[in-house]
Amino acid sequence: MFYKKVTSHDHKWFFLLRYDDLKEGLEMWSSRTLKWQYFDYQQSRSLQAILNDAGLCSDITPEAAAEIIKEYLDQQQG
């Protein structure tokens, strides 16, 4: 499984993506929904553009994704 962190150029927002085979879609975790949601990659041109933008998108490990989510949720509670 591949994980990516997508951060805006001004670093004001981010979301996480995870996928195996993009033909089968991908999942996105965002601070707005606080859960993983499925998206059809083939029909989403904006997600295709984001994944092709090295300035927005960086590879991360599954462990890093879990830590990012945990830290975000801890900040929201504290």
PDB file of N, CA and C in Angstrom:
ATOM      1  N   MET A   1       0.856  -1.170   0.000  1.00  0.00           N
ATOM      2  CA  MET A   1       0.000   0.000   0.000  1.00  0.00           C
ATOM      3  C   MET A   1       0.899   1.229   0.000  1.00  0.00           C
ATOM      4  N   PHE A   2       0.521   2.228  -0.788  1.00  0.00           N
ATOM      5  CA  PHE A   2       1.252   3.488  -0.879  1.00  0.00           C
ATOM      6  C   PHE A   2       0.517   4.555  -0.081  1.00  0.00           C
ATOM      7  N   TYR A   3       1.279   5.403   0.592  1.00  0.00           N
ATOM      8  CA  TYR A   3       0.715   6.510   1.362  1.00  0.00           C
ATOM      9  C   TYR A   3       1.369   7.800   0.896  1.00  0.00           C
ATOM     10  N   LYS A   4       0.574   8.857   0.831  1.00  0.00           N
ATOM     11  CA  LYS A   4       1.088  10.173   0.470  1.00  0.00           C
ATOM     12  C   LYS A   4       0.452  11.223   1.374  1.00  0.00           C
ATOM     13  N   LYS A   5       1.227  12.237   1.681  1.00  0.00           N
ATOM     14  CA  LYS A   5       0.708  13.398   2.399  1.00  0.00           C
ATOM     15  C   LYS A   5       0.662  14.550   1.398  1.00  0.00           C
ATOM     16  N   VAL A   6      -0.477  15.193   1.325  1.00  0.00           N
ATOM     17  CA  VAL A   6      -0.668  16.316   0.419  1.00  0.00           C
ATOM     18  C   VAL A   6      -0.854  17.566   1.277  1.00  0.00           C
ATOM     19  N   THR A   7       0.015  18.541   1.052  1.00  0.00           N
ATOM     20  CA  THR A   7       0.006  19.776   1.841  1.00  0.00           C
ATOM     21  C   THR A   7      -0.120  20.959   0.893  1.00  0.00           C
ATOM     22  N   SER A   8      -0.931  21.934   1.255  1.00  0.00           N
ATOM     23  CA  SER A   8      -1.068  23.127   0.422  1.00  0.00           C
ATOM     24  C   SER A   8       0.261  23.887   0.401  1.00  0.00           C
ATOM     25  N   HIS A   9       0.439  24.700  -0.620  1.00  0.00           N
ATOM     26  CA  HIS A   9       1.678  25.471  -0.741  1.00  0.00           C
ATOM     27  C   HIS A   9       1.893  26.397   0.454  1.00  0.00           C
ATOM     28  N   ASP A  10       0.811  26.880   1.051  1.00  0.00           N
ATOM     29  CA  ASP A  10       0.940  27.773   2.214  1.00  0.00           C
ATOM     30  C   ASP A  10       0.923  27.005   3.538  1.00  0.00           C
ATOM     31  N   HIS A  11       0.862  25.669   3.470  1.00  0.00           N
ATOM     32  CA  HIS A  11       0.884  24.775   4.640  1.00  0.00           C
ATOM     33  C   HIS A  11      -0.278  24.995   5.605  1.00  0.00           C
ATOM     34  N   LYS A  12      -1.406  25.488   5.092  1.00  0.00           N
ATOM     35  CA  LYS A  12      -2.571  25.719   5.950  1.00  0.00           C
ATOM     36  C   LYS A  12      -3.484  24.499   6.023  1.00  0.00           C
ATOM     37  N   TRP A  13      -3.376  23.565   5.094  1.00  0.00           N
ATOM     38  CA  TRP A  13      -4.211  22.380   5.122  1.00  0.00           C
ATOM     39  C   TRP A  13      -3.437  21.185   4.582  1.00  0.00           C
ATOM     40  N   PHE A  14      -3.918  20.007   4.917  1.00  0.00           N
ATOM     41  CA  PHE A  14      -3.312  18.781   4.403  1.00  0.00           C
ATOM     42  C   PHE A  14      -4.355  17.677   4.382  1.00  0.00           C
ATOM     43  N   PHE A  15      -4.077  16.650   3.613  1.00  0.00           N
ATOM     44  CA  PHE A  15      -4.832  15.410   3.684  1.00  0.00           C
ATOM     45  C   PHE A  15      -3.908  14.269   3.322  1.00  0.00           C
ATOM     46  N   LEU A  16      -4.325  13.066   3.648  1.00  0.00           N
ATOM     47  CA  LEU A  16      -3.537  11.869   3.395  1.00  0.00           C
ATOM     48  C   LEU A  16      -4.242  11.007   2.354  1.00  0.00           C
ATOM     49  N   LEU A  17      -3.451  10.346   1.528  1.00  0.00           N
ATOM     50  CA  LEU A  17      -3.979   9.427   0.528  1.00  0.00           C
ATOM     51  C   LEU A  17      -3.348   8.056   0.740  1.00  0.00           C
ATOM     52  N   ARG A  18      -4.121   7.003   0.499  1.00  0.00           N
ATOM     53  CA  ARG A  18      -3.561   5.650   0.511  1.00  0.00           C
ATOM     54  C   ARG A  18      -4.212   4.851  -0.607  1.00  0.00           C
ATOM     55  N   TYR A  19      -3.399   3.979  -1.233  1.00  0.00           N
ATOM     56  CA  TYR A  19      -3.897   3.189  -2.352  1.00  0.00           C
ATOM     57  C   TYR A  19      -2.948   2.038  -2.652  1.00  0.00           C
ATOM     58  N   ASP A  20      -3.493   1.021  -3.301  1.00  0.00           N
ATOM     59  CA  ASP A  20      -2.700  -0.087  -3.824  1.00  0.00           C
ATOM     60  C   ASP A  20      -2.552   0.088  -5.332  1.00  0.00           C
ATOM     61  N   ASP A  21      -3.659   0.011  -6.011  1.00  0.00           N
ATOM     62  CA  ASP A  21      -3.700   0.137  -7.460  1.00  0.00           C
ATOM     63  C   ASP A  21      -4.680   1.260  -7.782  1.00  0.00           C
ATOM     64  N   LEU A  22      -4.194   2.304  -8.419  1.00  0.00           N
ATOM     65  CA  LEU A  22      -5.058   3.456  -8.670  1.00  0.00           C
ATOM     66  C   LEU A  22      -6.254   3.125  -9.550  1.00  0.00           C
ATOM     67  N   LYS A  23      -6.180   2.038 -10.294  1.00  0.00           N
ATOM     68  CA  LYS A  23      -7.326   1.628 -11.108  1.00  0.00           C
ATOM     69  C   LYS A  23      -8.515   1.272 -10.222  1.00  0.00           C
ATOM     70  N   GLU A  24      -8.229   0.881  -8.982  1.00  0.00           N
ATOM     71  CA  GLU A  24      -9.286   0.512  -8.039  1.00  0.00           C
ATOM     72  C   GLU A  24      -9.672   1.665  -7.128  1.00  0.00           C
ATOM     73  N   GLY A  25      -9.113   2.827  -7.358  1.00  0.00           N
ATOM     74  CA  GLY A  25      -9.440   3.997  -6.556  1.00  0.00           C
ATOM     75  C   GLY A  25      -8.454   4.188  -5.421  1.00  0.00           C
ATOM     76  N   LEU A  26      -8.757   5.147  -4.583  1.00  0.00           N
ATOM     77  CA  LEU A  26      -7.902   5.449  -3.446  1.00  0.00           C
ATOM     78  C   LEU A  26      -8.753   5.935  -2.294  1.00  0.00           C
ATOM     79  N   GLU A  27      -8.119   6.036  -1.128  1.00  0.00           N
ATOM     80  CA  GLU A  27      -8.805   6.545   0.051  1.00  0.00           C
ATOM     81  C   GLU A  27      -8.125   7.826   0.503  1.00  0.00           C
ATOM     82  N   MET A  28      -8.926   8.748   1.012  1.00  0.00           N
ATOM     83  CA  MET A  28      -8.414  10.023   1.495  1.00  0.00           C
ATOM     84  C   MET A  28      -8.869  10.234   2.932  1.00  0.00           C
ATOM     85  N   TRP A  29      -7.935  10.694   3.774  1.00  0.00           N
ATOM     86  CA  TRP A  29      -8.243  11.098   5.148  1.00  0.00           C
ATOM     87  C   TRP A  29      -8.024  12.597   5.216  1.00  0.00           C
ATOM     88  N   SER A  30      -9.013  13.307   5.711  1.00  0.00           N
ATOM     89  CA  SER A  30      -8.859  14.758   5.831  1.00  0.00           C
ATOM     90  C   SER A  30      -9.286  15.216   7.212  1.00  0.00           C
ATOM     91  N   SER A  31      -8.796  16.373   7.576  1.00  0.00           N
ATOM     92  CA  SER A  31      -9.144  16.929   8.880  1.00  0.00           C
ATOM     93  C   SER A  31     -10.615  17.325   8.944  1.00  0.00           C
ATOM     94  N   ARG A  32     -11.245  17.452   7.816  1.00  0.00           N
ATOM     95  CA  ARG A  32     -12.664  17.811   7.797  1.00  0.00           C
ATOM     96  C   ARG A  32     -13.546  16.617   8.151  1.00  0.00           C
ATOM     97  N   THR A  33     -13.206  15.435   7.603  1.00  0.00           N
ATOM     98  CA  THR A  33     -14.051  14.264   7.832  1.00  0.00           C
ATOM     99  C   THR A  33     -13.554  13.380   8.971  1.00  0.00           C
ATOM    100  N   LEU A  34     -12.257  13.438   9.257  1.00  0.00           N
ATOM    101  CA  LEU A  34     -11.620  12.640  10.318  1.00  0.00           C
ATOM    102  C   LEU A  34     -11.800  11.138  10.110  1.00  0.00           C
ATOM    103  N   LYS A  35     -11.895  10.725   8.853  1.00  0.00           N
ATOM    104  CA  LYS A  35     -11.986   9.299   8.539  1.00  0.00           C
ATOM    105  C   LYS A  35     -11.507   9.079   7.109  1.00  0.00           C
ATOM    106  N   TRP A  36     -11.218   7.827   6.791  1.00  0.00           N
ATOM    107  CA  TRP A  36     -10.815   7.460   5.442  1.00  0.00           C
ATOM    108  C   TRP A  36     -12.066   7.355   4.575  1.00  0.00           C
ATOM    109  N   GLN A  37     -12.027   7.969   3.373  1.00  0.00           N
ATOM    110  CA  GLN A  37     -13.140   7.900   2.430  1.00  0.00           C
ATOM    111  C   GLN A  37     -12.619   7.459   1.073  1.00  0.00           C
ATOM    112  N   TYR A  38     -13.395   6.626   0.383  1.00  0.00           N
ATOM    113  CA  TYR A  38     -13.015   6.105  -0.925  1.00  0.00           C
ATOM    114  C   TYR A  38     -13.310   7.129  -2.026  1.00  0.00           C
ATOM    115  N   PHE A  39     -12.396   7.195  -3.006  1.00  0.00           N
ATOM    116  CA  PHE A  39     -12.594   8.036  -4.184  1.00  0.00           C
ATOM    117  C   PHE A  39     -12.220   7.231  -5.421  1.00  0.00           C
ATOM    118  N   ASP A  40     -12.965   7.424  -6.492  1.00  0.00           N
ATOM    119  CA  ASP A  40     -12.666   6.801  -7.776  1.00  0.00           C
ATOM    120  C   ASP A  40     -11.619   7.664  -8.474  1.00  0.00           C
ATOM    121  N   TYR A  41     -10.394   7.185  -8.492  1.00  0.00           N
ATOM    122  CA  TYR A  41      -9.290   7.953  -9.049  1.00  0.00           C
ATOM    123  C   TYR A  41      -9.480   8.256 -10.529  1.00  0.00           C
ATOM    124  N   GLN A  42      -9.998   7.311 -11.277  1.00  0.00           N
ATOM    125  CA  GLN A  42     -10.137   7.467 -12.724  1.00  0.00           C
ATOM    126  C   GLN A  42     -11.071   8.623 -13.097  1.00  0.00           C
ATOM    127  N   GLN A  43     -12.018   8.934 -12.232  1.00  0.00           N
ATOM    128  CA  GLN A  43     -12.981   9.987 -12.539  1.00  0.00           C
ATOM    129  C   GLN A  43     -12.672  11.299 -11.830  1.00  0.00           C
ATOM    130  N   SER A  44     -11.559  11.364 -11.145  1.00  0.00           N
ATOM    131  CA  SER A  44     -11.219  12.574 -10.404  1.00  0.00           C
ATOM    132  C   SER A  44      -9.965  13.216 -10.974  1.00  0.00           C
ATOM    133  N   ARG A  45     -10.141  14.166 -11.839  1.00  0.00           N
ATOM    134  CA  ARG A  45      -8.993  14.843 -12.452  1.00  0.00           C
ATOM    135  C   ARG A  45      -8.210  15.662 -11.435  1.00  0.00           C
ATOM    136  N   SER A  46      -8.896  16.189 -10.432  1.00  0.00           N
ATOM    137  CA  SER A  46      -8.172  16.983  -9.428  1.00  0.00           C
ATOM    138  C   SER A  46      -7.223  16.099  -8.629  1.00  0.00           C
ATOM    139  N   LEU A  47      -7.641  14.871  -8.267  1.00  0.00           N
ATOM    140  CA  LEU A  47      -6.741  13.958  -7.562  1.00  0.00           C
ATOM    141  C   LEU A  47      -5.588  13.529  -8.459  1.00  0.00           C
ATOM    142  N   GLN A  48      -5.843  13.349  -9.747  1.00  0.00           N
ATOM    143  CA  GLN A  48      -4.766  12.991 -10.668  1.00  0.00           C
ATOM    144  C   GLN A  48      -3.737  14.117 -10.723  1.00  0.00           C
ATOM    145  N   ALA A  49      -4.198  15.348 -10.783  1.00  0.00           N
ATOM    146  CA  ALA A  49      -3.282  16.492 -10.830  1.00  0.00           C
ATOM    147  C   ALA A  49      -2.484  16.613  -9.538  1.00  0.00           C
ATOM    148  N   ILE A  50      -3.137  16.371  -8.411  1.00  0.00           N
ATOM    149  CA  ILE A  50      -2.457  16.460  -7.114  1.00  0.00           C
ATOM    150  C   ILE A  50      -1.357  15.413  -7.019  1.00  0.00           C
ATOM    151  N   LEU A  51      -1.643  14.173  -7.399  1.00  0.00           N
ATOM    152  CA  LEU A  51      -0.636  13.112  -7.311  1.00  0.00           C
ATOM    153  C   LEU A  51       0.552  13.371  -8.241  1.00  0.00           C
ATOM    154  N   ASN A  52       0.350  14.154  -9.284  1.00  0.00           N
ATOM    155  CA  ASN A  52       1.431  14.466 -10.210  1.00  0.00           C
ATOM    156  C   ASN A  52       2.193  15.729  -9.824  1.00  0.00           C
ATOM    157  N   ASP A  53       1.798  16.399  -8.753  1.00  0.00           N
ATOM    158  CA  ASP A  53       2.448  17.635  -8.315  1.00  0.00           C
ATOM    159  C   ASP A  53       3.405  17.335  -7.164  1.00  0.00           C
ATOM    160  N   ALA A  54       4.685  17.242  -7.459  1.00  0.00           N
ATOM    161  CA  ALA A  54       5.685  16.910  -6.436  1.00  0.00           C
ATOM    162  C   ALA A  54       5.784  17.997  -5.364  1.00  0.00           C
ATOM    163  N   GLY A  55       5.355  19.213  -5.659  1.00  0.00           N
ATOM    164  CA  GLY A  55       5.384  20.277  -4.670  1.00  0.00           C
ATOM    165  C   GLY A  55       4.307  20.141  -3.607  1.00  0.00           C
ATOM    166  N   LEU A  56       3.241  19.437  -3.927  1.00  0.00           N
ATOM    167  CA  LEU A  56       2.136  19.237  -2.979  1.00  0.00           C
ATOM    168  C   LEU A  56       2.197  17.895  -2.277  1.00  0.00           C
ATOM    169  N   CYS A  57       2.737  16.898  -2.955  1.00  0.00           N
ATOM    170  CA  CYS A  57       2.579  15.507  -2.547  1.00  0.00           C
ATOM    171  C   CYS A  57       3.924  14.886  -2.152  1.00  0.00           C
ATOM    172  N   SER A  58       3.947  14.219  -1.001  1.00  0.00           N
ATOM    173  CA  SER A  58       5.168  13.519  -0.593  1.00  0.00           C
ATOM    174  C   SER A  58       4.826  12.119  -0.106  1.00  0.00           C
ATOM    175  N   ASP A  59       5.722  11.176  -0.396  1.00  0.00           N
ATOM    176  CA  ASP A  59       5.550   9.799   0.052  1.00  0.00           C
ATOM    177  C   ASP A  59       5.784   9.709   1.554  1.00  0.00           C
ATOM    178  N   ILE A  60       4.951   8.920   2.225  1.00  0.00           N
ATOM    179  CA  ILE A  60       5.137   8.665   3.652  1.00  0.00           C
ATOM    180  C   ILE A  60       4.883   7.185   3.913  1.00  0.00           C
ATOM    181  N   THR A  61       5.262   6.719   5.087  1.00  0.00           N
ATOM    182  CA  THR A  61       5.034   5.324   5.466  1.00  0.00           C
ATOM    183  C   THR A  61       3.656   5.189   6.123  1.00  0.00           C
ATOM    184  N   PRO A  62       3.134   3.978   6.201  1.00  0.00           N
ATOM    185  CA  PRO A  62       1.872   3.773   6.924  1.00  0.00           C
ATOM    186  C   PRO A  62       1.983   4.228   8.386  1.00  0.00           C
ATOM    187  N   GLU A  63       3.146   3.996   8.987  1.00  0.00           N
ATOM    188  CA  GLU A  63       3.353   4.411  10.382  1.00  0.00           C
ATOM    189  C   GLU A  63       3.331   5.929  10.511  1.00  0.00           C
ATOM    190  N   ALA A  64       3.926   6.618   9.542  1.00  0.00           N
ATOM    191  CA  ALA A  64       3.916   8.081   9.566  1.00  0.00           C
ATOM    192  C   ALA A  64       2.491   8.612   9.411  1.00  0.00           C
ATOM    193  N   ALA A  65       1.711   7.977   8.555  1.00  0.00           N
ATOM    194  CA  ALA A  65       0.311   8.394   8.379  1.00  0.00           C
ATOM    195  C   ALA A  65      -0.458   8.239   9.689  1.00  0.00           C
ATOM    196  N   ALA A  66      -0.270   7.107  10.356  1.00  0.00           N
ATOM    197  CA  ALA A  66      -0.959   6.873  11.632  1.00  0.00           C
ATOM    198  C   ALA A  66      -0.534   7.910  12.665  1.00  0.00           C
ATOM    199  N   GLU A  67       0.747   8.264  12.689  1.00  0.00           N
ATOM    200  CA  GLU A  67       1.242   9.261  13.640  1.00  0.00           C
ATOM    201  C   GLU A  67       0.689  10.654  13.326  1.00  0.00           C
ATOM    202  N   ILE A  68       0.608  11.004  12.065  1.00  0.00           N
ATOM    203  CA  ILE A  68       0.042  12.300  11.662  1.00  0.00           C
ATOM    204  C   ILE A  68      -1.410  12.405  12.120  1.00  0.00           C
ATOM    205  N   ILE A  69      -2.178  11.342  11.903  1.00  0.00           N
ATOM    206  CA  ILE A  69      -3.586  11.334  12.327  1.00  0.00           C
ATOM    207  C   ILE A  69      -3.676  11.457  13.843  1.00  0.00           C
ATOM    208  N   LYS A  70      -2.874  10.685  14.559  1.00  0.00           N
ATOM    209  CA  LYS A  70      -2.898  10.723  16.024  1.00  0.00           C
ATOM    210  C   LYS A  70      -2.544  12.113  16.540  1.00  0.00           C
ATOM    211  N   GLU A  71      -1.491  12.714  16.003  1.00  0.00           N
ATOM    212  CA  GLU A  71      -1.089  14.051  16.441  1.00  0.00           C
ATOM    213  C   GLU A  71      -2.182  15.075  16.156  1.00  0.00           C
ATOM    214  N   TYR A  72      -2.816  14.982  14.994  1.00  0.00           N
ATOM    215  CA  TYR A  72      -3.876  15.923  14.657  1.00  0.00           C
ATOM    216  C   TYR A  72      -5.049  15.777  15.618  1.00  0.00           C
ATOM    217  N   LEU A  73      -5.468  14.552  15.867  1.00  0.00           N
ATOM    218  CA  LEU A  73      -6.594  14.320  16.776  1.00  0.00           C
ATOM    219  C   LEU A  73      -6.255  14.763  18.205  1.00  0.00           C
ATOM    220  N   ASP A  74      -5.020  14.526  18.638  1.00  0.00           N
ATOM    221  CA  ASP A  74      -4.602  14.971  19.980  1.00  0.00           C
ATOM    222  C   ASP A  74      -4.645  16.498  20.078  1.00  0.00           C
ATOM    223  N   GLN A  75      -4.227  17.202  19.020  1.00  0.00           N
ATOM    224  CA  GLN A  75      -4.277  18.672  19.021  1.00  0.00           C
ATOM    225  C   GLN A  75      -5.711  19.169  19.108  1.00  0.00           C
ATOM    226  N   GLN A  76      -6.615  18.498  18.410  1.00  0.00           N
ATOM    227  CA  GLN A  76      -8.012  18.917  18.413  1.00  0.00           C
ATOM    228  C   GLN A  76      -8.673  18.717  19.771  1.00  0.00           C
ATOM    229  N   GLN A  77      -8.222  17.686  20.507  1.00  0.00           N
ATOM    230  CA  GLN A  77      -8.799  17.402  21.819  1.00  0.00           C
ATOM    231  C   GLN A  77      -8.184  18.271  22.904  1.00  0.00           C
ATOM    232  N   GLY A  78      -6.945  18.676  22.698  1.00  0.00           N
ATOM    233  CA  GLY A  78      -6.226  19.401  23.751  1.00  0.00           C
ATOM    234  C   GLY A  78      -6.311  20.836  23.578  1.00  0.00           C
TER     235      GLY A  78
END
